[in-house]
mmCIF file of all heavy atoms, coordinates in Angstrom:
data_MODEL
# 
_entry.id   MODEL 
# 
loop_
_atom_site.group_PDB 
_atom_site.id 
_atom_site.type_symbol 
_atom_site.label_atom_id 
_atom_site.label_alt_id 
_atom_site.label_comp_id 
_atom_site.label_asym_id 
_atom_site.label_entity_id 
_atom_site.label_seq_id 
_atom_site.pdbx_PDB_ins_code 
_atom_site.Cartn_x 
_atom_site.Cartn_y 
_atom_site.Cartn_z 
_atom_site.occupancy 
_atom_site.B_iso_or_equiv 
_atom_site.pdbx_formal_charge 
_atom_site.auth_seq_id 
_atom_site.auth_comp_id 
_atom_site.auth_asym_id 
_atom_site.auth_atom_id 
_atom_site.pdbx_PDB_model_num 
ATOM 1   N N   . ALA A 1 1  ? 28.890 -1.166  3.372  1.00 0.00 ? 1  ALA A N   1 
ATOM 2   C CA  . ALA A 1 1  ? 27.566 -1.423  2.800  1.00 0.00 ? 1  ALA A CA  1 
ATOM 3   C C   . ALA A 1 1  ? 26.513 -1.536  3.896  1.00 0.00 ? 1  ALA A C   1 
ATOM 4   O O   . ALA A 1 1  ? 25.428 -0.963  3.787  1.00 0.00 ? 1  ALA A O   1 
ATOM 5   C CB  . ALA A 1 1  ? 27.591 -2.698  1.953  1.00 0.00 ? 1  ALA A CB  1 
ATOM 6   N N   . GLY A 1 2  ? 26.839 -2.261  4.952  1.00 0.00 ? 2  GLY A N   1 
ATOM 7   C CA  . GLY A 1 2  ? 25.896 -2.410  6.065  1.00 0.00 ? 2  GLY A CA  1 
ATOM 8   C C   . GLY A 1 2  ? 25.588 -1.090  6.740  1.00 0.00 ? 2  GLY A C   1 
ATOM 9   O O   . GLY A 1 2  ? 24.431 -0.782  7.035  1.00 0.00 ? 2  GLY A O   1 
ATOM 10  N N   . ALA A 1 3  ? 26.619 -0.290  6.974  1.00 0.00 ? 3  ALA A N   1 
ATOM 11  C CA  . ALA A 1 3  ? 26.419 1.015   7.614  1.00 0.00 ? 3  ALA A CA  1 
ATOM 12  C C   . ALA A 1 3  ? 25.594 1.932   6.726  1.00 0.00 ? 3  ALA A C   1 
ATOM 13  O O   . ALA A 1 3  ? 24.679 2.624   7.194  1.00 0.00 ? 3  ALA A O   1 
ATOM 14  C CB  . ALA A 1 3  ? 27.770 1.659   7.939  1.00 0.00 ? 3  ALA A CB  1 
ATOM 15  N N   . TRP A 1 4  ? 25.903 1.949   5.433  1.00 0.00 ? 4  TRP A N   1 
ATOM 16  C CA  . TRP A 1 4  ? 25.140 2.795   4.515  1.00 0.00 ? 4  TRP A CA  1 
ATOM 17  C C   . TRP A 1 4  ? 23.677 2.358   4.464  1.00 0.00 ? 4  TRP A C   1 
ATOM 18  O O   . TRP A 1 4  ? 22.776 3.183   4.552  1.00 0.00 ? 4  TRP A O   1 
ATOM 19  C CB  . TRP A 1 4  ? 25.754 2.761   3.104  1.00 0.00 ? 4  TRP A CB  1 
ATOM 20  C CG  . TRP A 1 4  ? 25.040 3.712   2.199  1.00 0.00 ? 4  TRP A CG  1 
ATOM 21  C CD1 . TRP A 1 4  ? 25.319 5.039   2.016  1.00 0.00 ? 4  TRP A CD1 1 
ATOM 22  C CD2 . TRP A 1 4  ? 23.882 3.443   1.401  1.00 0.00 ? 4  TRP A CD2 1 
ATOM 23  N NE1 . TRP A 1 4  ? 24.409 5.597   1.155  1.00 0.00 ? 4  TRP A NE1 1 
ATOM 24  C CE2 . TRP A 1 4  ? 23.514 4.641   0.758  1.00 0.00 ? 4  TRP A CE2 1 
ATOM 25  C CE3 . TRP A 1 4  ? 23.114 2.309   1.167  1.00 0.00 ? 4  TRP A CE3 1 
ATOM 26  C CZ2 . TRP A 1 4  ? 22.421 4.738   -0.108 1.00 0.00 ? 4  TRP A CZ2 1 
ATOM 27  C CZ3 . TRP A 1 4  ? 22.024 2.399   0.318  1.00 0.00 ? 4  TRP A CZ3 1 
ATOM 28  C CH2 . TRP A 1 4  ? 21.688 3.598   -0.316 1.00 0.00 ? 4  TRP A CH2 1 
ATOM 29  N N   . LEU A 1 5  ? 23.465 1.066   4.324  1.00 0.00 ? 5  LEU A N   1 
ATOM 30  C CA  . LEU A 1 5  ? 22.100 0.554   4.225  1.00 0.00 ? 5  LEU A CA  1 
ATOM 31  C C   . LEU A 1 5  ? 21.302 0.844   5.490  1.00 0.00 ? 5  LEU A C   1 
ATOM 32  O O   . LEU A 1 5  ? 20.155 1.290   5.429  1.00 0.00 ? 5  LEU A O   1 
ATOM 33  C CB  . LEU A 1 5  ? 22.116 -0.952  3.952  1.00 0.00 ? 5  LEU A CB  1 
ATOM 34  C CG  . LEU A 1 5  ? 20.749 -1.606  3.781  1.00 0.00 ? 5  LEU A CG  1 
ATOM 35  C CD1 . LEU A 1 5  ? 20.018 -1.026  2.573  1.00 0.00 ? 5  LEU A CD1 1 
ATOM 36  C CD2 . LEU A 1 5  ? 20.904 -3.105  3.642  1.00 0.00 ? 5  LEU A CD2 1 
ATOM 37  N N   . ARG A 1 6  ? 21.894 0.617   6.635  1.00 0.00 ? 6  ARG A N   1 
ATOM 38  C CA  . ARG A 1 6  ? 21.221 0.891   7.908  1.00 0.00 ? 6  ARG A CA  1 
ATOM 39  C C   . ARG A 1 6  ? 20.806 2.362   7.981  1.00 0.00 ? 6  ARG A C   1 
ATOM 40  O O   . ARG A 1 6  ? 19.680 2.688   8.325  1.00 0.00 ? 6  ARG A O   1 
ATOM 41  C CB  . ARG A 1 6  ? 22.135 0.520   9.077  1.00 0.00 ? 6  ARG A CB  1 
ATOM 42  C CG  . ARG A 1 6  ? 21.478 0.576   10.429 1.00 0.00 ? 6  ARG A CG  1 
ATOM 43  C CD  . ARG A 1 6  ? 22.418 0.086   11.547 1.00 0.00 ? 6  ARG A CD  1 
ATOM 44  N NE  . ARG A 1 6  ? 22.996 -1.233  11.264 1.00 0.00 ? 6  ARG A NE  1 
ATOM 45  C CZ  . ARG A 1 6  ? 24.273 -1.445  10.901 1.00 0.00 ? 6  ARG A CZ  1 
ATOM 46  N NH1 . ARG A 1 6  ? 25.114 -0.449  10.804 1.00 0.00 ? 6  ARG A NH1 1 
ATOM 47  N NH2 . ARG A 1 6  ? 24.699 -2.673  10.673 1.00 0.00 ? 6  ARG A NH2 1 
ATOM 48  N N   . HIS A 1 7  ? 21.727 3.249   7.633  1.00 0.00 ? 7  HIS A N   1 
ATOM 49  C CA  . HIS A 1 7  ? 21.432 4.687   7.665  1.00 0.00 ? 7  HIS A CA  1 
ATOM 50  C C   . HIS A 1 7  ? 20.347 5.039   6.642  1.00 0.00 ? 7  HIS A C   1 
ATOM 51  O O   . HIS A 1 7  ? 19.400 5.766   6.946  1.00 0.00 ? 7  HIS A O   1 
ATOM 52  C CB  . HIS A 1 7  ? 22.698 5.494   7.395  1.00 0.00 ? 7  HIS A CB  1 
ATOM 53  C CG  . HIS A 1 7  ? 22.470 6.960   7.379  1.00 0.00 ? 7  HIS A CG  1 
ATOM 54  N ND1 . HIS A 1 7  ? 22.366 7.703   8.533  1.00 0.00 ? 7  HIS A ND1 1 
ATOM 55  C CD2 . HIS A 1 7  ? 22.290 7.826   6.355  1.00 0.00 ? 7  HIS A CD2 1 
ATOM 56  C CE1 . HIS A 1 7  ? 22.141 8.966   8.220  1.00 0.00 ? 7  HIS A CE1 1 
ATOM 57  N NE2 . HIS A 1 7  ? 22.087 9.060   6.908  1.00 0.00 ? 7  HIS A NE2 1 
ATOM 58  N N   . HIS A 1 8  ? 20.492 4.525   5.439  1.00 0.00 ? 8  HIS A N   1 
ATOM 59  C CA  . HIS A 1 8  ? 19.546 4.813   4.351  1.00 0.00 ? 8  HIS A CA  1 
ATOM 60  C C   . HIS A 1 8  ? 18.127 4.379   4.728  1.00 0.00 ? 8  HIS A C   1 
ATOM 61  O O   . HIS A 1 8  ? 17.178 5.140   4.563  1.00 0.00 ? 8  HIS A O   1 
ATOM 62  C CB  . HIS A 1 8  ? 20.017 4.097   3.083  1.00 0.00 ? 8  HIS A CB  1 
ATOM 63  C CG  . HIS A 1 8  ? 19.160 4.318   1.885  1.00 0.00 ? 8  HIS A CG  1 
ATOM 64  N ND1 . HIS A 1 8  ? 19.093 5.522   1.214  1.00 0.00 ? 8  HIS A ND1 1 
ATOM 65  C CD2 . HIS A 1 8  ? 18.313 3.484   1.219  1.00 0.00 ? 8  HIS A CD2 1 
ATOM 66  C CE1 . HIS A 1 8  ? 18.254 5.428   0.197  1.00 0.00 ? 8  HIS A CE1 1 
ATOM 67  N NE2 . HIS A 1 8  ? 17.767 4.190   0.177  1.00 0.00 ? 8  HIS A NE2 1 
ATOM 68  N N   . LEU A 1 9  ? 18.003 3.171   5.240  1.00 0.00 ? 9  LEU A N   1 
ATOM 69  C CA  . LEU A 1 9  ? 16.677 2.655   5.591  1.00 0.00 ? 9  LEU A CA  1 
ATOM 70  C C   . LEU A 1 9  ? 16.068 3.383   6.790  1.00 0.00 ? 9  LEU A C   1 
ATOM 71  O O   . LEU A 1 9  ? 14.886 3.756   6.754  1.00 0.00 ? 9  LEU A O   1 
ATOM 72  C CB  . LEU A 1 9  ? 16.741 1.151   5.879  1.00 0.00 ? 9  LEU A CB  1 
ATOM 73  C CG  . LEU A 1 9  ? 17.008 0.250   4.678  1.00 0.00 ? 9  LEU A CG  1 
ATOM 74  C CD1 . LEU A 1 9  ? 17.212 -1.187  5.139  1.00 0.00 ? 9  LEU A CD1 1 
ATOM 75  C CD2 . LEU A 1 9  ? 15.895 0.341   3.642  1.00 0.00 ? 9  LEU A CD2 1 
ATOM 76  N N   . THR A 1 10 ? 16.852 3.586   7.827  1.00 0.00 ? 10 THR A N   1 
ATOM 77  C CA  . THR A 1 10 ? 16.282 4.117   9.072  1.00 0.00 ? 10 THR A CA  1 
ATOM 78  C C   . THR A 1 10 ? 16.085 5.625   9.066  1.00 0.00 ? 10 THR A C   1 
ATOM 79  O O   . THR A 1 10 ? 15.230 6.124   9.793  1.00 0.00 ? 10 THR A O   1 
ATOM 80  C CB  . THR A 1 10 ? 17.125 3.727   10.301 1.00 0.00 ? 10 THR A CB  1 
ATOM 81  O OG1 . THR A 1 10 ? 18.445 4.258   10.161 1.00 0.00 ? 10 THR A OG1 1 
ATOM 82  C CG2 . THR A 1 10 ? 17.175 2.216   10.458 1.00 0.00 ? 10 THR A CG2 1 
ATOM 83  N N   . THR A 1 11 ? 16.854 6.359   8.267  1.00 0.00 ? 11 THR A N   1 
ATOM 84  C CA  . THR A 1 11 ? 16.710 7.815   8.284  1.00 0.00 ? 11 THR A CA  1 
ATOM 85  C C   . THR A 1 11 ? 16.038 8.383   7.046  1.00 0.00 ? 11 THR A C   1 
ATOM 86  O O   . THR A 1 11 ? 15.622 9.539   7.058  1.00 0.00 ? 11 THR A O   1 
ATOM 87  C CB  . THR A 1 11 ? 18.076 8.513   8.452  1.00 0.00 ? 11 THR A CB  1 
ATOM 88  O OG1 . THR A 1 11 ? 18.884 8.265   7.295  1.00 0.00 ? 11 THR A OG1 1 
ATOM 89  C CG2 . THR A 1 11 ? 18.781 8.049   9.710  1.00 0.00 ? 11 THR A CG2 1 
ATOM 90  N N   . LYS A 1 12 ? 15.924 7.594   6.000  1.00 0.00 ? 12 LYS A N   1 
ATOM 91  C CA  . LYS A 1 12 ? 15.338 8.101   4.752  1.00 0.00 ? 12 LYS A CA  1 
ATOM 92  C C   . LYS A 1 12 ? 14.114 7.293   4.304  1.00 0.00 ? 12 LYS A C   1 
ATOM 93  O O   . LYS A 1 12 ? 13.047 7.836   4.087  1.00 0.00 ? 12 LYS A O   1 
ATOM 94  C CB  . LYS A 1 12 ? 16.379 8.071   3.625  1.00 0.00 ? 12 LYS A CB  1 
ATOM 95  C CG  . LYS A 1 12 ? 17.684 8.730   3.934  1.00 0.00 ? 12 LYS A CG  1 
ATOM 96  C CD  . LYS A 1 12 ? 17.597 10.210  3.760  1.00 0.00 ? 12 LYS A CD  1 
ATOM 97  C CE  . LYS A 1 12 ? 18.993 10.798  3.947  1.00 0.00 ? 12 LYS A CE  1 
ATOM 98  N NZ  . LYS A 1 12 ? 18.966 12.121  4.463  1.00 0.00 ? 12 LYS A NZ  1 
ATOM 99  N N   . VAL A 1 13 ? 14.303 5.986   4.148  1.00 0.00 ? 13 VAL A N   1 
ATOM 100 C CA  . VAL A 1 13 ? 13.267 5.148   3.538  1.00 0.00 ? 13 VAL A CA  1 
ATOM 101 C C   . VAL A 1 13 ? 12.075 4.935   4.467  1.00 0.00 ? 13 VAL A C   1 
ATOM 102 O O   . VAL A 1 13 ? 10.937 5.259   4.109  1.00 0.00 ? 13 VAL A O   1 
ATOM 103 C CB  . VAL A 1 13 ? 13.858 3.796   3.077  1.00 0.00 ? 13 VAL A CB  1 
ATOM 104 C CG1 . VAL A 1 13 ? 12.768 2.871   2.573  1.00 0.00 ? 13 VAL A CG1 1 
ATOM 105 C CG2 . VAL A 1 13 ? 14.911 4.040   1.993  1.00 0.00 ? 13 VAL A CG2 1 
ATOM 106 N N   . PHE A 1 14 ? 12.305 4.370   5.649  1.00 0.00 ? 14 PHE A N   1 
ATOM 107 C CA  . PHE A 1 14 ? 11.180 4.103   6.539  1.00 0.00 ? 14 PHE A CA  1 
ATOM 108 C C   . PHE A 1 14 ? 10.438 5.377   6.947  1.00 0.00 ? 14 PHE A C   1 
ATOM 109 O O   . PHE A 1 14 ? 9.203  5.375   6.973  1.00 0.00 ? 14 PHE A O   1 
ATOM 110 C CB  . PHE A 1 14 ? 11.610 3.287   7.759  1.00 0.00 ? 14 PHE A CB  1 
ATOM 111 C CG  . PHE A 1 14 ? 11.955 1.851   7.415  1.00 0.00 ? 14 PHE A CG  1 
ATOM 112 C CD1 . PHE A 1 14 ? 13.130 1.289   7.866  1.00 0.00 ? 14 PHE A CD1 1 
ATOM 113 C CD2 . PHE A 1 14 ? 11.109 1.073   6.639  1.00 0.00 ? 14 PHE A CD2 1 
ATOM 114 C CE1 . PHE A 1 14 ? 13.453 -0.024  7.556  1.00 0.00 ? 14 PHE A CE1 1 
ATOM 115 C CE2 . PHE A 1 14 ? 11.418 -0.236  6.321  1.00 0.00 ? 14 PHE A CE2 1 
ATOM 116 C CZ  . PHE A 1 14 ? 12.597 -0.794  6.779  1.00 0.00 ? 14 PHE A CZ  1 
ATOM 117 N N   . PRO A 1 15 ? 11.143 6.498   7.214  1.00 0.00 ? 15 PRO A N   1 
ATOM 118 C CA  . PRO A 1 15 ? 10.392 7.717   7.539  1.00 0.00 ? 15 PRO A CA  1 
ATOM 119 C C   . PRO A 1 15 ? 9.459  8.181   6.412  1.00 0.00 ? 15 PRO A C   1 
ATOM 120 O O   . PRO A 1 15 ? 8.439  8.812   6.682  1.00 0.00 ? 15 PRO A O   1 
ATOM 121 C CB  . PRO A 1 15 ? 11.489 8.751   7.809  1.00 0.00 ? 15 PRO A CB  1 
ATOM 122 C CG  . PRO A 1 15 ? 12.625 7.945   8.328  1.00 0.00 ? 15 PRO A CG  1 
ATOM 123 C CD  . PRO A 1 15 ? 12.578 6.666   7.506  1.00 0.00 ? 15 PRO A CD  1 
ATOM 124 N N   . ALA A 1 16 ? 9.786  7.853   5.170  1.00 0.00 ? 16 ALA A N   1 
ATOM 125 C CA  . ALA A 1 16 ? 8.899  8.217   4.063  1.00 0.00 ? 16 ALA A CA  1 
ATOM 126 C C   . ALA A 1 16 ? 7.542  7.530   4.193  1.00 0.00 ? 16 ALA A C   1 
ATOM 127 O O   . ALA A 1 16 ? 6.529  8.041   3.734  1.00 0.00 ? 16 ALA A O   1 
ATOM 128 C CB  . ALA A 1 16 ? 9.541  7.851   2.730  1.00 0.00 ? 16 ALA A CB  1 
ATOM 129 N N   . TRP A 1 17 ? 7.530  6.377   4.844  1.00 0.00 ? 17 TRP A N   1 
ATOM 130 C CA  . TRP A 1 17 ? 6.302  5.602   5.011  1.00 0.00 ? 17 TRP A CA  1 
ATOM 131 C C   . TRP A 1 17 ? 5.508  6.008   6.242  1.00 0.00 ? 17 TRP A C   1 
ATOM 132 O O   . TRP A 1 17 ? 4.334  5.650   6.366  1.00 0.00 ? 17 TRP A O   1 
ATOM 133 C CB  . TRP A 1 17 ? 6.633  4.113   5.083  1.00 0.00 ? 17 TRP A CB  1 
ATOM 134 C CG  . TRP A 1 17 ? 7.030  3.573   3.753  1.00 0.00 ? 17 TRP A CG  1 
ATOM 135 C CD1 . TRP A 1 17 ? 8.279  3.566   3.194  1.00 0.00 ? 17 TRP A CD1 1 
ATOM 136 C CD2 . TRP A 1 17 ? 6.167  2.987   2.785  1.00 0.00 ? 17 TRP A CD2 1 
ATOM 137 N NE1 . TRP A 1 17 ? 8.245  3.013   1.948  1.00 0.00 ? 17 TRP A NE1 1 
ATOM 138 C CE2 . TRP A 1 17 ? 6.956  2.648   1.670  1.00 0.00 ? 17 TRP A CE2 1 
ATOM 139 C CE3 . TRP A 1 17 ? 4.801  2.716   2.746  1.00 0.00 ? 17 TRP A CE3 1 
ATOM 140 C CZ2 . TRP A 1 17 ? 6.429  2.048   0.540  1.00 0.00 ? 17 TRP A CZ2 1 
ATOM 141 C CZ3 . TRP A 1 17 ? 4.282  2.106   1.615  1.00 0.00 ? 17 TRP A CZ3 1 
ATOM 142 C CH2 . TRP A 1 17 ? 5.085  1.789   0.535  1.00 0.00 ? 17 TRP A CH2 1 
ATOM 143 N N   . TYR A 1 18 ? 6.135  6.738   7.175  1.00 0.00 ? 18 TYR A N   1 
ATOM 144 C CA  . TYR A 1 18 ? 5.424  7.156   8.381  1.00 0.00 ? 18 TYR A CA  1 
ATOM 145 C C   . TYR A 1 18 ? 4.227  8.000   7.968  1.00 0.00 ? 18 TYR A C   1 
ATOM 146 O O   . TYR A 1 18 ? 4.337  8.881   7.131  1.00 0.00 ? 18 TYR A O   1 
ATOM 147 C CB  . TYR A 1 18 ? 6.320  7.972   9.314  1.00 0.00 ? 18 TYR A CB  1 
ATOM 148 C CG  . TYR A 1 18 ? 7.529  7.248   9.843  1.00 0.00 ? 18 TYR A CG  1 
ATOM 149 C CD1 . TYR A 1 18 ? 8.539  7.945   10.470 1.00 0.00 ? 18 TYR A CD1 1 
ATOM 150 C CD2 . TYR A 1 18 ? 7.685  5.873   9.706  1.00 0.00 ? 18 TYR A CD2 1 
ATOM 151 C CE1 . TYR A 1 18 ? 9.664  7.302   10.972 1.00 0.00 ? 18 TYR A CE1 1 
ATOM 152 C CE2 . TYR A 1 18 ? 8.805  5.228   10.200 1.00 0.00 ? 18 TYR A CE2 1 
ATOM 153 C CZ  . TYR A 1 18 ? 9.789  5.945   10.830 1.00 0.00 ? 18 TYR A CZ  1 
ATOM 154 O OH  . TYR A 1 18 ? 10.899 5.302   11.308 1.00 0.00 ? 18 TYR A OH  1 
ATOM 155 N N   . GLY A 1 19 ? 3.109  7.728   8.558  1.00 0.00 ? 19 GLY A N   1 
ATOM 156 C CA  . GLY A 1 19 ? 1.891  8.450   8.209  1.00 0.00 ? 19 GLY A CA  1 
ATOM 157 C C   . GLY A 1 19 ? 1.039  7.721   7.190  1.00 0.00 ? 19 GLY A C   1 
ATOM 158 O O   . GLY A 1 19 ? -0.086 8.139   6.924  1.00 0.00 ? 19 GLY A O   1 
ATOM 159 N N   . THR A 1 20 ? 1.551  6.637   6.605  1.00 0.00 ? 20 THR A N   1 
ATOM 160 C CA  . THR A 1 20 ? 0.726  5.829   5.701  1.00 0.00 ? 20 THR A CA  1 
ATOM 161 C C   . THR A 1 20 ? -0.343 5.154   6.552  1.00 0.00 ? 20 THR A C   1 
ATOM 162 O O   . THR A 1 20 ? -0.058 4.607   7.609  1.00 0.00 ? 20 THR A O   1 
ATOM 163 C CB  . THR A 1 20 ? 1.585  4.767   4.976  1.00 0.00 ? 20 THR A CB  1 
ATOM 164 O OG1 . THR A 1 20 ? 2.658  5.419   4.307  1.00 0.00 ? 20 THR A OG1 1 
ATOM 165 C CG2 . THR A 1 20 ? 0.748  3.974   3.977  1.00 0.00 ? 20 THR A CG2 1 
ATOM 166 N N   . THR A 1 21 ? -1.566 5.204   6.108  1.00 0.00 ? 21 THR A N   1 
ATOM 167 C CA  . THR A 1 21 ? -2.680 4.631   6.864  1.00 0.00 ? 21 THR A CA  1 
ATOM 168 C C   . THR A 1 21 ? -2.488 3.126   7.017  1.00 0.00 ? 21 THR A C   1 
ATOM 169 O O   . THR A 1 21 ? -2.214 2.423   6.045  1.00 0.00 ? 21 THR A O   1 
ATOM 170 C CB  . THR A 1 21 ? -4.020 4.913   6.147  1.00 0.00 ? 21 THR A CB  1 
ATOM 171 O OG1 . THR A 1 21 ? -4.147 6.322   5.983  1.00 0.00 ? 21 THR A OG1 1 
ATOM 172 C CG2 . THR A 1 21 ? -5.186 4.372   6.939  1.00 0.00 ? 21 THR A CG2 1 
ATOM 173 N N   . TRP A 1 22 ? -2.617 2.649   8.259  1.00 0.00 ? 22 TRP A N   1 
ATOM 174 C CA  . TRP A 1 22 ? -2.487 1.222   8.527  1.00 0.00 ? 22 TRP A CA  1 
ATOM 175 C C   . TRP A 1 22 ? -3.828 0.547   8.308  1.00 0.00 ? 22 TRP A C   1 
ATOM 176 O O   . TRP A 1 22 ? -4.892 1.059   8.656  1.00 0.00 ? 22 TRP A O   1 
ATOM 177 C CB  . TRP A 1 22 ? -2.039 0.965   9.969  1.00 0.00 ? 22 TRP A CB  1 
ATOM 178 C CG  . TRP A 1 22 ? -1.944 -0.509  10.261 1.00 0.00 ? 22 TRP A CG  1 
ATOM 179 C CD1 . TRP A 1 22 ? -0.876 -1.313  10.015 1.00 0.00 ? 22 TRP A CD1 1 
ATOM 180 C CD2 . TRP A 1 22 ? -2.959 -1.347  10.800 1.00 0.00 ? 22 TRP A CD2 1 
ATOM 181 N NE1 . TRP A 1 22 ? -1.150 -2.608  10.379 1.00 0.00 ? 22 TRP A NE1 1 
ATOM 182 C CE2 . TRP A 1 22 ? -2.439 -2.659  10.863 1.00 0.00 ? 22 TRP A CE2 1 
ATOM 183 C CE3 . TRP A 1 22 ? -4.268 -1.134  11.232 1.00 0.00 ? 22 TRP A CE3 1 
ATOM 184 C CZ2 . TRP A 1 22 ? -3.165 -3.737  11.340 1.00 0.00 ? 22 TRP A CZ2 1 
ATOM 185 C CZ3 . TRP A 1 22 ? -4.989 -2.219  11.701 1.00 0.00 ? 22 TRP A CZ3 1 
ATOM 186 C CH2 . TRP A 1 22 ? -4.438 -3.506  11.759 1.00 0.00 ? 22 TRP A CH2 1 
ATOM 187 N N   . ASP A 1 23 ? -3.787 -0.642  7.716  1.00 0.00 ? 23 ASP A N   1 
ATOM 188 C CA  . ASP A 1 23 ? -4.960 -1.505  7.605  1.00 0.00 ? 23 ASP A CA  1 
ATOM 189 C C   . ASP A 1 23 ? -4.453 -2.940  7.556  1.00 0.00 ? 23 ASP A C   1 
ATOM 190 O O   . ASP A 1 23 ? -3.451 -3.230  6.896  1.00 0.00 ? 23 ASP A O   1 
ATOM 191 C CB  . ASP A 1 23 ? -5.752 -1.198  6.326  1.00 0.00 ? 23 ASP A CB  1 
ATOM 192 C CG  . ASP A 1 23 ? -7.012 -2.041  6.238  1.00 0.00 ? 23 ASP A CG  1 
ATOM 193 O OD1 . ASP A 1 23 ? -8.006 -1.677  6.875  1.00 0.00 ? 23 ASP A OD1 1 
ATOM 194 O OD2 . ASP A 1 23 ? -6.973 -3.088  5.537  1.00 0.00 ? 23 ASP A OD2 1 
ATOM 195 N N   . PHE A 1 24 ? -5.143 -3.834  8.254  1.00 0.00 ? 24 PHE A N   1 
ATOM 196 C CA  . PHE A 1 24 ? -4.733 -5.238  8.317  1.00 0.00 ? 24 PHE A CA  1 
ATOM 197 C C   . PHE A 1 24 ? -4.555 -5.831  6.923  1.00 0.00 ? 24 PHE A C   1 
ATOM 198 O O   . PHE A 1 24 ? -3.700 -6.690  6.709  1.00 0.00 ? 24 PHE A O   1 
ATOM 199 C CB  . PHE A 1 24 ? -5.765 -6.043  9.106  1.00 0.00 ? 24 PHE A CB  1 
ATOM 200 C CG  . PHE A 1 24 ? -5.392 -7.484  9.287  1.00 0.00 ? 24 PHE A CG  1 
ATOM 201 C CD1 . PHE A 1 24 ? -4.480 -7.863  10.266 1.00 0.00 ? 24 PHE A CD1 1 
ATOM 202 C CD2 . PHE A 1 24 ? -5.941 -8.468  8.479  1.00 0.00 ? 24 PHE A CD2 1 
ATOM 203 C CE1 . PHE A 1 24 ? -4.116 -9.190  10.431 1.00 0.00 ? 24 PHE A CE1 1 
ATOM 204 C CE2 . PHE A 1 24 ? -5.588 -9.799  8.634  1.00 0.00 ? 24 PHE A CE2 1 
ATOM 205 C CZ  . PHE A 1 24 ? -4.679 -10.159 9.618  1.00 0.00 ? 24 PHE A CZ  1 
ATOM 206 N N   . ASN A 1 25 ? -5.347 -5.397  5.945  1.00 0.00 ? 25 ASN A N   1 
ATOM 207 C CA  . ASN A 1 25 ? -5.280 -5.926  4.584  1.00 0.00 ? 25 ASN A CA  1 
ATOM 208 C C   . ASN A 1 25 ? -4.562 -4.988  3.612  1.00 0.00 ? 25 ASN A C   1 
ATOM 209 O O   . ASN A 1 25 ? -4.587 -5.209  2.414  1.00 0.00 ? 25 ASN A O   1 
ATOM 210 C CB  . ASN A 1 25 ? -6.692 -6.206  4.069  1.00 0.00 ? 25 ASN A CB  1 
ATOM 211 C CG  . ASN A 1 25 ? -7.379 -7.262  4.892  1.00 0.00 ? 25 ASN A CG  1 
ATOM 212 O OD1 . ASN A 1 25 ? -6.865 -8.366  5.065  1.00 0.00 ? 25 ASN A OD1 1 
ATOM 213 N ND2 . ASN A 1 25 ? -8.537 -6.934  5.449  1.00 0.00 ? 25 ASN A ND2 1 
# 
């Protein structure tokens, strides 16, 4: 479970958010 989750988050989920505009609020 830990290995799957680590892979899922770092290679699929978080990259989907890359490029989202950052704003403090």
